[in-house]
């Protein structure tokens, strides 16, 4: 068995499962937001968005979406970089930059949701 230093101990099955579950979460969230657009057609303003996202269920659903999007992006980027970047230093550098960017977006999203 080949050990890859950047695989973080995951297997292909785990990556596959992360991609499928996160895809379902992302799709459900997009359908939910689309339903909100259809329901509130013509009356979407800051107050309406504030009311929608003040609901704890919507905040939690948005958090699941954010986590799912980050996990989905990471598995995709990890797969692409391990397939196409053969130089280990370049691959690890790109992966570290992506991890930093994804974590920054995740923390920023949590701050937007619950930061007040």
PDB file of N, CA and C in Angstrom:
ATOM      1  N   UNK A   1       0.845  -1.179   0.000  1.00  0.00           N
ATOM      2  CA  UNK A   1       0.000   0.000   0.000  1.00  0.00           C
ATOM      3  C   UNK A   1       0.886   1.237   0.000  1.00  0.00           C
ATOM      4  N   UNK A   2       0.526   2.200  -0.811  1.00  0.00           N
ATOM      5  CA  UNK A   2       1.287   3.438  -0.915  1.00  0.00           C
ATOM      6  C   UNK A   2       0.717   4.451   0.062  1.00  0.00           C
ATOM      7  N   UNK A   3       1.581   5.040   0.870  1.00  0.00           N
ATOM      8  CA  UNK A   3       1.149   6.082   1.798  1.00  0.00           C
ATOM      9  C   UNK A   3       1.476   7.429   1.206  1.00  0.00           C
ATOM     10  N   UNK A   4       0.496   8.293   1.136  1.00  0.00           N
ATOM     11  CA  UNK A   4       0.697   9.644   0.640  1.00  0.00           C
ATOM     12  C   UNK A   4       0.695  10.579   1.842  1.00  0.00           C
ATOM     13  N   UNK A   5       1.704  11.407   1.954  1.00  0.00           N
ATOM     14  CA  UNK A   5       1.833  12.279   3.113  1.00  0.00           C
ATOM     15  C   UNK A   5       0.699  13.275   3.224  1.00  0.00           C
ATOM     16  N   UNK A   6       0.058  13.604   2.107  1.00  0.00           N
ATOM     17  CA  UNK A   6      -1.010  14.604   2.149  1.00  0.00           C
ATOM     18  C   UNK A   6      -2.407  13.993   2.165  1.00  0.00           C
ATOM     19  N   UNK A   7      -2.526  12.697   2.269  1.00  0.00           N
ATOM     20  CA  UNK A   7      -3.850  12.077   2.236  1.00  0.00           C
ATOM     21  C   UNK A   7      -4.552  12.158   3.587  1.00  0.00           C
ATOM     22  N   UNK A   8      -3.840  12.491   4.641  1.00  0.00           N
ATOM     23  CA  UNK A   8      -4.398  12.588   5.994  1.00  0.00           C
ATOM     24  C   UNK A   8      -5.040  11.281   6.448  1.00  0.00           C
ATOM     25  N   UNK A   9      -4.573  10.175   5.904  1.00  0.00           N
ATOM     26  CA  UNK A   9      -5.034   8.867   6.348  1.00  0.00           C
ATOM     27  C   UNK A   9      -6.394   8.456   5.813  1.00  0.00           C
ATOM     28  N   UNK A  10      -6.952   9.206   4.879  1.00  0.00           N
ATOM     29  CA  UNK A  10      -8.266   8.867   4.330  1.00  0.00           C
ATOM     30  C   UNK A  10      -8.118   7.785   3.272  1.00  0.00           C
ATOM     31  N   UNK A  11      -9.215   7.100   3.052  1.00  0.00           N
ATOM     32  CA  UNK A  11      -9.248   6.121   1.970  1.00  0.00           C
ATOM     33  C   UNK A  11     -10.080   6.686   0.829  1.00  0.00           C
ATOM     34  N   UNK A  12     -10.018   6.026  -0.306  1.00  0.00           N
ATOM     35  CA  UNK A  12     -10.813   6.443  -1.454  1.00  0.00           C
ATOM     36  C   UNK A  12     -12.298   6.369  -1.168  1.00  0.00           C
ATOM     37  N   UNK A  13     -12.713   5.361  -0.394  1.00  0.00           N
ATOM     38  CA  UNK A  13     -14.117   5.232  -0.031  1.00  0.00           C
ATOM     39  C   UNK A  13     -14.576   6.412   0.820  1.00  0.00           C
ATOM     40  N   UNK A  14     -13.741   6.849   1.754  1.00  0.00           N
ATOM     41  CA  UNK A  14     -14.096   8.001   2.583  1.00  0.00           C
ATOM     42  C   UNK A  14     -14.220   9.265   1.735  1.00  0.00           C
ATOM     43  N   UNK A  15     -13.299   9.468   0.809  1.00  0.00           N
ATOM     44  CA  UNK A  15     -13.378  10.622  -0.090  1.00  0.00           C
ATOM     45  C   UNK A  15     -14.659  10.569  -0.915  1.00  0.00           C
ATOM     46  N   UNK A  16     -14.970   9.402  -1.451  1.00  0.00           N
ATOM     47  CA  UNK A  16     -16.175   9.221  -2.250  1.00  0.00           C
ATOM     48  C   UNK A  16     -17.413   9.555  -1.418  1.00  0.00           C
ATOM     49  N   UNK A  17     -17.457   9.058  -0.196  1.00  0.00           N
ATOM     50  CA  UNK A  17     -18.604   9.284   0.683  1.00  0.00           C
ATOM     51  C   UNK A  17     -18.729  10.760   1.065  1.00  0.00           C
ATOM     52  N   UNK A  18     -17.606  11.413   1.372  1.00  0.00           N
ATOM     53  CA  UNK A  18     -17.619  12.846   1.687  1.00  0.00           C
ATOM     54  C   UNK A  18     -18.193  13.632   0.514  1.00  0.00           C
ATOM     55  N   UNK A  19     -17.756  13.306  -0.701  1.00  0.00           N
ATOM     56  CA  UNK A  19     -18.241  14.014  -1.889  1.00  0.00           C
ATOM     57  C   UNK A  19     -19.741  13.803  -2.077  1.00  0.00           C
ATOM     58  N   UNK A  20     -20.226  12.595  -1.890  1.00  0.00           N
ATOM     59  CA  UNK A  20     -21.650  12.312  -2.123  1.00  0.00           C
ATOM     60  C   UNK A  20     -22.523  12.951  -1.051  1.00  0.00           C
ATOM     61  N   UNK A  21     -22.151  12.816   0.202  1.00  0.00           N
ATOM     62  CA  UNK A  21     -22.956  13.401   1.280  1.00  0.00           C
ATOM     63  C   UNK A  21     -22.949  14.919   1.186  1.00  0.00           C
ATOM     64  N   UNK A  22     -21.786  15.512   0.949  1.00  0.00           N
ATOM     65  CA  UNK A  22     -21.717  16.967   0.836  1.00  0.00           C
ATOM     66  C   UNK A  22     -22.497  17.454  -0.380  1.00  0.00           C
ATOM     67  N   UNK A  23     -22.526  16.685  -1.462  1.00  0.00           N
ATOM     68  CA  UNK A  23     -23.316  17.057  -2.638  1.00  0.00           C
ATOM     69  C   UNK A  23     -24.801  17.106  -2.314  1.00  0.00           C
ATOM     70  N   UNK A  24     -25.266  16.157  -1.536  1.00  0.00           N
ATOM     71  CA  UNK A  24     -26.677  16.127  -1.139  1.00  0.00           C
ATOM     72  C   UNK A  24     -27.011  17.346  -0.279  1.00  0.00           C
ATOM     73  N   UNK A  25     -26.139  17.667   0.666  1.00  0.00           N
ATOM     74  CA  UNK A  25     -26.355  18.837   1.532  1.00  0.00           C
ATOM     75  C   UNK A  25     -26.369  20.118   0.699  1.00  0.00           C
ATOM     76  N   UNK A  26     -25.413  20.257  -0.210  1.00  0.00           N
ATOM     77  CA  UNK A  26     -25.330  21.445  -1.061  1.00  0.00           C
ATOM     78  C   UNK A  26     -26.583  21.559  -1.926  1.00  0.00           C
ATOM     79  N   UNK A  27     -27.008  20.466  -2.520  1.00  0.00           N
ATOM     80  CA  UNK A  27     -28.206  20.479  -3.375  1.00  0.00           C
ATOM     81  C   UNK A  27     -29.451  20.848  -2.568  1.00  0.00           C
ATOM     82  N   UNK A  28     -29.585  20.286  -1.375  1.00  0.00           N
ATOM     83  CA  UNK A  28     -30.748  20.604  -0.535  1.00  0.00           C
ATOM     84  C   UNK A  28     -30.754  22.085  -0.159  1.00  0.00           C
ATOM     85  N   UNK A  29     -29.596  22.635   0.146  1.00  0.00           N
ATOM     86  CA  UNK A  29     -29.504  24.049   0.507  1.00  0.00           C
ATOM     87  C   UNK A  29     -29.847  24.938  -0.690  1.00  0.00           C
ATOM     88  N   UNK A  30     -29.353  24.593  -1.853  1.00  0.00           N
ATOM     89  CA  UNK A  30     -29.660  25.369  -3.063  1.00  0.00           C
ATOM     90  C   UNK A  30     -31.163  25.330  -3.338  1.00  0.00           C
ATOM     91  N   UNK A  31     -31.789  24.174  -3.185  1.00  0.00           N
ATOM     92  CA  UNK A  31     -33.240  24.079  -3.357  1.00  0.00           C
ATOM     93  C   UNK A  31     -33.983  24.932  -2.332  1.00  0.00           C
ATOM     94  N   UNK A  32     -33.493  24.927  -1.102  1.00  0.00           N
ATOM     95  CA  UNK A  32     -34.103  25.737  -0.048  1.00  0.00           C
ATOM     96  C   UNK A  32     -34.003  27.225  -0.382  1.00  0.00           C
ATOM     97  N   UNK A  33     -32.838  27.685  -0.762  1.00  0.00           N
ATOM     98  CA  UNK A  33     -32.643  29.097  -1.120  1.00  0.00           C
ATOM     99  C   UNK A  33     -33.484  29.450  -2.352  1.00  0.00           C
ATOM    100  N   UNK A  34     -33.567  28.535  -3.320  1.00  0.00           N
ATOM    101  CA  UNK A  34     -34.409  28.770  -4.496  1.00  0.00           C
ATOM    102  C   UNK A  34     -35.870  28.912  -4.089  1.00  0.00           C
ATOM    103  N   UNK A  35     -36.313  28.060  -3.162  1.00  0.00           N
ATOM    104  CA  UNK A  35     -37.678  28.164  -2.643  1.00  0.00           C
ATOM    105  C   UNK A  35     -37.920  29.503  -1.953  1.00  0.00           C
ATOM    106  N   UNK A  36     -36.929  29.989  -1.229  1.00  0.00           N
ATOM    107  CA  UNK A  36     -37.054  31.297  -0.576  1.00  0.00           C
ATOM    108  C   UNK A  36     -37.177  32.397  -1.626  1.00  0.00           C
ATOM    109  N   UNK A  37     -36.377  32.320  -2.678  1.00  0.00           N
ATOM    110  CA  UNK A  37     -36.465  33.306  -3.767  1.00  0.00           C
ATOM    111  C   UNK A  37     -37.858  33.290  -4.404  1.00  0.00           C
ATOM    112  N   UNK A  38     -38.385  32.094  -4.640  1.00  0.00           N
ATOM    113  CA  UNK A  38     -39.698  31.980  -5.270  1.00  0.00           C
ATOM    114  C   UNK A  38     -40.792  32.497  -4.326  1.00  0.00           C
ATOM    115  N   UNK A  39     -40.712  32.123  -3.062  1.00  0.00           N
ATOM    116  CA  UNK A  39     -41.741  32.520  -2.083  1.00  0.00           C
ATOM    117  C   UNK A  39     -41.760  34.027  -1.853  1.00  0.00           C
ATOM    118  N   UNK A  40     -40.594  34.627  -1.775  1.00  0.00           N
ATOM    119  CA  UNK A  40     -40.494  36.054  -1.454  1.00  0.00           C
ATOM    120  C   UNK A  40     -40.207  36.896  -2.697  1.00  0.00           C
ATOM    121  N   UNK A  41     -40.633  36.425  -3.872  1.00  0.00           N
ATOM    122  CA  UNK A  41     -40.364  37.131  -5.124  1.00  0.00           C
ATOM    123  C   UNK A  41     -40.853  38.578  -5.045  1.00  0.00           C
ATOM    124  N   UNK A  42     -39.955  39.496  -5.317  1.00  0.00           N
ATOM    125  CA  UNK A  42     -40.306  40.910  -5.345  1.00  0.00           C
ATOM    126  C   UNK A  42     -40.230  41.621  -4.011  1.00  0.00           C
ATOM    127  N   UNK A  43     -40.102  40.882  -2.933  1.00  0.00           N
ATOM    128  CA  UNK A  43     -40.047  41.527  -1.623  1.00  0.00           C
ATOM    129  C   UNK A  43     -38.786  41.188  -0.824  1.00  0.00           C
ATOM    130  N   UNK A  44     -37.765  40.720  -1.524  1.00  0.00           N
ATOM    131  CA  UNK A  44     -36.518  40.403  -0.839  1.00  0.00           C
ATOM    132  C   UNK A  44     -35.728  41.681  -0.582  1.00  0.00           C
ATOM    133  N   UNK A  45     -35.537  41.958   0.676  1.00  0.00           N
ATOM    134  CA  UNK A  45     -34.727  43.098   1.074  1.00  0.00           C
ATOM    135  C   UNK A  45     -33.922  42.680   2.304  1.00  0.00           C
ATOM    136  N   UNK A  46     -33.165  43.594   2.849  1.00  0.00           N
ATOM    137  CA  UNK A  46     -32.306  43.262   3.978  1.00  0.00           C
ATOM    138  C   UNK A  46     -33.106  42.734   5.160  1.00  0.00           C
ATOM    139  N   UNK A  47     -34.244  43.339   5.433  1.00  0.00           N
ATOM    140  CA  UNK A  47     -35.078  42.907   6.553  1.00  0.00           C
ATOM    141  C   UNK A  47     -35.587  41.483   6.384  1.00  0.00           C
ATOM    142  N   UNK A  48     -35.961  41.141   5.161  1.00  0.00           N
ATOM    143  CA  UNK A  48     -36.440  39.780   4.889  1.00  0.00           C
ATOM    144  C   UNK A  48     -35.312  38.773   5.077  1.00  0.00           C
ATOM    145  N   UNK A  49     -34.136  39.078   4.531  1.00  0.00           N
ATOM    146  CA  UNK A  49     -32.985  38.176   4.700  1.00  0.00           C
ATOM    147  C   UNK A  49     -32.621  38.042   6.170  1.00  0.00           C
ATOM    148  N   UNK A  50     -32.690  39.141   6.893  1.00  0.00           N
ATOM    149  CA  UNK A  50     -32.368  39.108   8.315  1.00  0.00           C
ATOM    150  C   UNK A  50     -33.346  38.203   9.060  1.00  0.00           C
ATOM    151  N   UNK A  51     -34.636  38.302   8.714  1.00  0.00           N
ATOM    152  CA  UNK A  51     -35.654  37.463   9.344  1.00  0.00           C
ATOM    153  C   UNK A  51     -35.420  35.987   9.013  1.00  0.00           C
ATOM    154  N   UNK A  52     -35.107  35.697   7.756  1.00  0.00           N
ATOM    155  CA  UNK A  52     -34.894  34.306   7.335  1.00  0.00           C
ATOM    156  C   UNK A  52     -33.708  33.701   8.083  1.00  0.00           C
ATOM    157  N   UNK A  53     -32.604  34.445   8.161  1.00  0.00           N
ATOM    158  CA  UNK A  53     -31.389  33.898   8.781  1.00  0.00           C
ATOM    159  C   UNK A  53     -31.340  34.080  10.292  1.00  0.00           C
ATOM    160  N   UNK A  54     -32.357  34.720  10.880  1.00  0.00           N
ATOM    161  CA  UNK A  54     -32.452  34.790  12.342  1.00  0.00           C
ATOM    162  C   UNK A  54     -33.008  33.491  12.908  1.00  0.00           C
ATOM    163  N   UNK A  55     -33.635  32.686  12.050  1.00  0.00           N
ATOM    164  CA  UNK A  55     -34.184  31.400  12.450  1.00  0.00           C
ATOM    165  C   UNK A  55     -33.028  30.431  12.732  1.00  0.00           C
ATOM    166  N   UNK A  56     -32.969  29.861  13.947  1.00  0.00           N
ATOM    167  CA  UNK A  56     -31.864  28.933  14.269  1.00  0.00           C
ATOM    168  C   UNK A  56     -31.780  27.736  13.326  1.00  0.00           C
ATOM    169  N   UNK A  57     -32.912  27.257  12.840  1.00  0.00           N
ATOM    170  CA  UNK A  57     -32.880  26.118  11.905  1.00  0.00           C
ATOM    171  C   UNK A  57     -32.162  26.509  10.614  1.00  0.00           C
ATOM    172  N   UNK A  58     -32.411  27.717  10.138  1.00  0.00           N
ATOM    173  CA  UNK A  58     -31.740  28.179   8.917  1.00  0.00           C
ATOM    174  C   UNK A  58     -30.252  28.402   9.173  1.00  0.00           C
ATOM    175  N   UNK A  59     -29.915  28.887  10.360  1.00  0.00           N
ATOM    176  CA  UNK A  59     -28.505  29.074  10.698  1.00  0.00           C
ATOM    177  C   UNK A  59     -27.771  27.734  10.733  1.00  0.00           C
ATOM    178  N   UNK A  60     -28.395  26.738  11.326  1.00  0.00           N
ATOM    179  CA  UNK A  60     -27.772  25.416  11.409  1.00  0.00           C
ATOM    180  C   UNK A  60     -27.667  24.793  10.015  1.00  0.00           C
ATOM    181  N   UNK A  61     -28.726  24.938   9.210  1.00  0.00           N
ATOM    182  CA  UNK A  61     -28.701  24.414   7.841  1.00  0.00           C
ATOM    183  C   UNK A  61     -27.608  25.105   7.031  1.00  0.00           C
ATOM    184  N   UNK A  62     -27.460  26.406   7.224  1.00  0.00           N
ATOM    185  CA  UNK A  62     -26.404  27.156   6.536  1.00  0.00           C
ATOM    186  C   UNK A  62     -25.024  26.691   6.996  1.00  0.00           C
ATOM    187  N   UNK A  63     -24.882  26.402   8.288  1.00  0.00           N
ATOM    188  CA  UNK A  63     -23.610  25.894   8.797  1.00  0.00           C
ATOM    189  C   UNK A  63     -23.285  24.530   8.181  1.00  0.00           C
ATOM    190  N   UNK A  64     -24.285  23.645   8.096  1.00  0.00           N
ATOM    191  CA  UNK A  64     -24.067  22.346   7.438  1.00  0.00           C
ATOM    192  C   UNK A  64     -23.667  22.541   5.978  1.00  0.00           C
ATOM    193  N   UNK A  65     -24.324  23.502   5.300  1.00  0.00           N
ATOM    194  CA  UNK A  65     -23.975  23.807   3.918  1.00  0.00           C
ATOM    195  C   UNK A  65     -22.524  24.264   3.822  1.00  0.00           C
ATOM    196  N   UNK A  66     -22.123  25.158   4.718  1.00  0.00           N
ATOM    197  CA  UNK A  66     -20.765  25.687   4.705  1.00  0.00           C
ATOM    198  C   UNK A  66     -19.737  24.579   4.943  1.00  0.00           C
ATOM    199  N   UNK A  67     -20.001  23.728   5.916  1.00  0.00           N
ATOM    200  CA  UNK A  67     -19.093  22.600   6.198  1.00  0.00           C
ATOM    201  C   UNK A  67     -19.056  21.648   5.001  1.00  0.00           C
ATOM    202  N   UNK A  68     -20.232  21.364   4.429  1.00  0.00           N
ATOM    203  CA  UNK A  68     -20.295  20.489   3.260  1.00  0.00           C
ATOM    204  C   UNK A  68     -19.556  21.062   2.065  1.00  0.00           C
ATOM    205  N   UNK A  69     -19.698  22.365   1.858  1.00  0.00           N
ATOM    206  CA  UNK A  69     -19.012  23.013   0.734  1.00  0.00           C
ATOM    207  C   UNK A  69     -17.495  22.971   0.923  1.00  0.00           C
ATOM    208  N   UNK A  70     -17.039  23.214   2.134  1.00  0.00           N
ATOM    209  CA  UNK A  70     -15.603  23.176   2.421  1.00  0.00           C
ATOM    210  C   UNK A  70     -15.063  21.752   2.249  1.00  0.00           C
ATOM    211  N   UNK A  71     -15.778  20.769   2.774  1.00  0.00           N
ATOM    212  CA  UNK A  71     -15.334  19.374   2.639  1.00  0.00           C
ATOM    213  C   UNK A  71     -15.326  18.951   1.173  1.00  0.00           C
ATOM    214  N   UNK A  72     -16.360  19.329   0.441  1.00  0.00           N
ATOM    215  CA  UNK A  72     -16.452  18.987  -0.979  1.00  0.00           C
ATOM    216  C   UNK A  72     -15.297  19.616  -1.762  1.00  0.00           C
ATOM    217  N   UNK A  73     -15.043  20.887  -1.482  1.00  0.00           N
ATOM    218  CA  UNK A  73     -13.955  21.589  -2.166  1.00  0.00           C
ATOM    219  C   UNK A  73     -12.607  20.956  -1.828  1.00  0.00           C
ATOM    220  N   UNK A  74     -12.396  20.615  -0.557  1.00  0.00           N
ATOM    221  CA  UNK A  74     -11.112  20.039  -0.174  1.00  0.00           C
ATOM    222  C   UNK A  74     -10.856  18.709  -0.871  1.00  0.00           C
ATOM    223  N   UNK A  75     -11.845  17.827  -0.877  1.00  0.00           N
ATOM    224  CA  UNK A  75     -11.642  16.524  -1.522  1.00  0.00           C
ATOM    225  C   UNK A  75     -11.378  16.721  -3.012  1.00  0.00           C
ATOM    226  N   UNK A  76     -12.106  17.623  -3.638  1.00  0.00           N
ATOM    227  CA  UNK A  76     -11.891  17.884  -5.060  1.00  0.00           C
ATOM    228  C   UNK A  76     -10.510  18.441  -5.340  1.00  0.00           C
ATOM    229  N   UNK A  77     -10.108  19.440  -4.574  1.00  0.00           N
ATOM    230  CA  UNK A  77      -8.786  20.046  -4.775  1.00  0.00           C
ATOM    231  C   UNK A  77      -7.687  19.036  -4.456  1.00  0.00           C
ATOM    232  N   UNK A  78      -7.872  18.261  -3.396  1.00  0.00           N
ATOM    233  CA  UNK A  78      -6.867  17.256  -3.030  1.00  0.00           C
ATOM    234  C   UNK A  78      -6.700  16.252  -4.171  1.00  0.00           C
ATOM    235  N   UNK A  79      -7.824  15.824  -4.748  1.00  0.00           N
ATOM    236  CA  UNK A  79      -7.762  14.858  -5.846  1.00  0.00           C
ATOM    237  C   UNK A  79      -7.042  15.434  -7.057  1.00  0.00           C
ATOM    238  N   UNK A  80      -7.393  16.653  -7.419  1.00  0.00           N
ATOM    239  CA  UNK A  80      -6.767  17.284  -8.582  1.00  0.00           C
ATOM    240  C   UNK A  80      -5.274  17.503  -8.352  1.00  0.00           C
ATOM    241  N   UNK A  81      -4.908  18.010  -7.176  1.00  0.00           N
ATOM    242  CA  UNK A  81      -3.486  18.286  -6.929  1.00  0.00           C
ATOM    243  C   UNK A  81      -2.663  17.001  -6.871  1.00  0.00           C
ATOM    244  N   UNK A  82      -3.210  15.943  -6.279  1.00  0.00           N
ATOM    245  CA  UNK A  82      -2.431  14.698  -6.229  1.00  0.00           C
ATOM    246  C   UNK A  82      -2.337  14.043  -7.602  1.00  0.00           C
ATOM    247  N   UNK A  83      -3.324  14.286  -8.473  1.00  0.00           N
ATOM    248  CA  UNK A  83      -3.274  13.711  -9.819  1.00  0.00           C
ATOM    249  C   UNK A  83      -2.349  14.489 -10.751  1.00  0.00           C
ATOM    250  N   UNK A  84      -2.322  15.809 -10.633  1.00  0.00           N
ATOM    251  CA  UNK A  84      -1.646  16.620 -11.651  1.00  0.00           C
ATOM    252  C   UNK A  84      -0.394  17.345 -11.184  1.00  0.00           C
ATOM    253  N   UNK A  85      -0.198  17.501  -9.891  1.00  0.00           N
ATOM    254  CA  UNK A  85       1.015  18.161  -9.401  1.00  0.00           C
ATOM    255  C   UNK A  85       1.963  17.089  -8.870  1.00  0.00           C
ATOM    256  N   UNK A  86       2.915  16.706  -9.668  1.00  0.00           N
ATOM    257  CA  UNK A  86       3.808  15.604  -9.312  1.00  0.00           C
ATOM    258  C   UNK A  86       4.941  16.042  -8.388  1.00  0.00           C
ATOM    259  N   UNK A  87       5.325  17.301  -8.436  1.00  0.00           N
ATOM    260  CA  UNK A  87       6.373  17.807  -7.558  1.00  0.00           C
ATOM    261  C   UNK A  87       5.793  17.952  -6.148  1.00  0.00           C
ATOM    262  N   UNK A  88       6.356  17.223  -5.200  1.00  0.00           N
ATOM    263  CA  UNK A  88       5.813  17.190  -3.840  1.00  0.00           C
ATOM    264  C   UNK A  88       5.786  18.563  -3.194  1.00  0.00           C
ATOM    265  N   UNK A  89       6.842  19.338  -3.358  1.00  0.00           N
ATOM    266  CA  UNK A  89       6.902  20.665  -2.731  1.00  0.00           C
ATOM    267  C   UNK A  89       5.805  21.574  -3.281  1.00  0.00           C
ATOM    268  N   UNK A  90       5.603  21.544  -4.572  1.00  0.00           N
ATOM    269  CA  UNK A  90       4.558  22.369  -5.190  1.00  0.00           C
ATOM    270  C   UNK A  90       3.182  21.896  -4.737  1.00  0.00           C
ATOM    271  N   UNK A  91       2.967  20.567  -4.762  1.00  0.00           N
ATOM    272  CA  UNK A  91       1.677  20.001  -4.367  1.00  0.00           C
ATOM    273  C   UNK A  91       1.330  20.354  -2.928  1.00  0.00           C
ATOM    274  N   UNK A  92       2.264  20.155  -2.020  1.00  0.00           N
ATOM    275  CA  UNK A  92       2.003  20.449  -0.607  1.00  0.00           C
ATOM    276  C   UNK A  92       1.790  21.950  -0.405  1.00  0.00           C
ATOM    277  N   UNK A  93       2.546  22.765  -1.107  1.00  0.00           N
ATOM    278  CA  UNK A  93       2.371  24.223  -0.993  1.00  0.00           C
ATOM    279  C   UNK A  93       0.972  24.644  -1.437  1.00  0.00           C
ATOM    280  N   UNK A  94       0.538  24.125  -2.568  1.00  0.00           N
ATOM    281  CA  UNK A  94      -0.802  24.457  -3.068  1.00  0.00           C
ATOM    282  C   UNK A  94      -1.859  23.955  -2.086  1.00  0.00           C
ATOM    283  N   UNK A  95      -1.682  22.750  -1.583  1.00  0.00           N
ATOM    284  CA  UNK A  95      -2.659  22.198  -0.650  1.00  0.00           C
ATOM    285  C   UNK A  95      -2.717  22.994   0.654  1.00  0.00           C
ATOM    286  N   UNK A  96      -1.585  23.438   1.144  1.00  0.00           N
ATOM    287  CA  UNK A  96      -1.567  24.254   2.361  1.00  0.00           C
ATOM    288  C   UNK A  96      -2.270  25.589   2.116  1.00  0.00           C
ATOM    289  N   UNK A  97      -2.008  26.206   0.969  1.00  0.00           N
ATOM    290  CA  UNK A  97      -2.689  27.465   0.641  1.00  0.00           C
ATOM    291  C   UNK A  97      -4.198  27.266   0.532  1.00  0.00           C
ATOM    292  N   UNK A  98      -4.620  26.160  -0.051  1.00  0.00           N
ATOM    293  CA  UNK A  98      -6.047  25.874  -0.163  1.00  0.00           C
ATOM    294  C   UNK A  98      -6.657  25.636   1.220  1.00  0.00           C
ATOM    295  N   UNK A  99      -5.958  24.903   2.065  1.00  0.00           N
ATOM    296  CA  UNK A  99      -6.455  24.666   3.427  1.00  0.00           C
ATOM    297  C   UNK A  99      -6.620  25.991   4.161  1.00  0.00           C
ATOM    298  N   UNK A 100      -5.636  26.870   4.057  1.00  0.00           N
ATOM    299  CA  UNK A 100      -5.714  28.171   4.718  1.00  0.00           C
ATOM    300  C   UNK A 100      -6.907  28.968   4.183  1.00  0.00           C
ATOM    301  N   UNK A 101      -7.091  28.973   2.866  1.00  0.00           N
ATOM    302  CA  UNK A 101      -8.208  29.706   2.262  1.00  0.00           C
ATOM    303  C   UNK A 101      -9.555  29.120   2.696  1.00  0.00           C
ATOM    304  N   UNK A 102      -9.671  27.789   2.697  1.00  0.00           N
ATOM    305  CA  UNK A 102     -10.934  27.159   3.098  1.00  0.00           C
ATOM    306  C   UNK A 102     -11.243  27.407   4.566  1.00  0.00           C
ATOM    307  N   UNK A 103     -10.232  27.321   5.422  1.00  0.00           N
ATOM    308  CA  UNK A 103     -10.454  27.607   6.840  1.00  0.00           C
ATOM    309  C   UNK A 103     -10.838  29.067   7.059  1.00  0.00           C
ATOM    310  N   UNK A 104     -10.188  29.966   6.337  1.00  0.00           N
ATOM    311  CA  UNK A 104     -10.530  31.389   6.461  1.00  0.00           C
ATOM    312  C   UNK A 104     -11.979  31.621   6.040  1.00  0.00           C
ATOM    313  N   UNK A 105     -12.390  31.021   4.936  1.00  0.00           N
ATOM    314  CA  UNK A 105     -13.779  31.157   4.488  1.00  0.00           C
ATOM    315  C   UNK A 105     -14.747  30.537   5.493  1.00  0.00           C
ATOM    316  N   UNK A 106     -14.372  29.418   6.063  1.00  0.00           N
ATOM    317  CA  UNK A 106     -15.216  28.768   7.063  1.00  0.00           C
ATOM    318  C   UNK A 106     -15.387  29.630   8.306  1.00  0.00           C
ATOM    319  N   UNK A 107     -14.282  30.158   8.820  1.00  0.00           N
ATOM    320  CA  UNK A 107     -14.366  31.026  10.006  1.00  0.00           C
ATOM    321  C   UNK A 107     -15.146  32.293   9.705  1.00  0.00           C
ATOM    322  N   UNK A 108     -14.955  32.836   8.520  1.00  0.00           N
ATOM    323  CA  UNK A 108     -15.664  34.036   8.114  1.00  0.00           C
ATOM    324  C   UNK A 108     -17.175  33.753   8.018  1.00  0.00           C
ATOM    325  N   UNK A 109     -17.519  32.603   7.459  1.00  0.00           N
ATOM    326  CA  UNK A 109     -18.930  32.217   7.355  1.00  0.00           C
ATOM    327  C   UNK A 109     -19.576  32.049   8.721  1.00  0.00           C
ATOM    328  N   UNK A 110     -18.880  31.425   9.653  1.00  0.00           N
ATOM    329  CA  UNK A 110     -19.399  31.284  11.018  1.00  0.00           C
ATOM    330  C   UNK A 110     -19.556  32.644  11.678  1.00  0.00           C
ATOM    331  N   UNK A 111     -18.596  33.521  11.460  1.00  0.00           N
ATOM    332  CA  UNK A 111     -18.686  34.871  12.014  1.00  0.00           C
ATOM    333  C   UNK A 111     -19.889  35.613  11.433  1.00  0.00           C
ATOM    334  N   UNK A 112     -20.157  35.454  10.150  1.00  0.00           N
ATOM    335  CA  UNK A 112     -21.314  36.100   9.540  1.00  0.00           C
ATOM    336  C   UNK A 112     -22.611  35.535  10.122  1.00  0.00           C
ATOM    337  N   UNK A 113     -22.658  34.192  10.301  1.00  0.00           N
ATOM    338  CA  UNK A 113     -23.862  33.579  10.824  1.00  0.00           C
ATOM    339  C   UNK A 113     -24.154  33.943  12.272  1.00  0.00           C
ATOM    340  N   UNK A 114     -23.150  33.886  13.133  1.00  0.00           N
ATOM    341  CA  UNK A 114     -23.377  34.086  14.547  1.00  0.00           C
ATOM    342  C   UNK A 114     -22.592  35.233  15.162  1.00  0.00           C
ATOM    343  N   UNK A 115     -21.929  36.002  14.333  1.00  0.00           N
ATOM    344  CA  UNK A 115     -21.109  37.078  14.864  1.00  0.00           C
ATOM    345  C   UNK A 115     -21.876  38.316  15.296  1.00  0.00           C
ATOM    346  N   UNK A 116     -23.119  38.407  14.900  1.00  0.00           N
ATOM    347  CA  UNK A 116     -23.917  39.571  15.295  1.00  0.00           C
ATOM    348  C   UNK A 116     -23.721  40.625  14.336  1.00  0.00           C
TER     349      UNK A 116
END
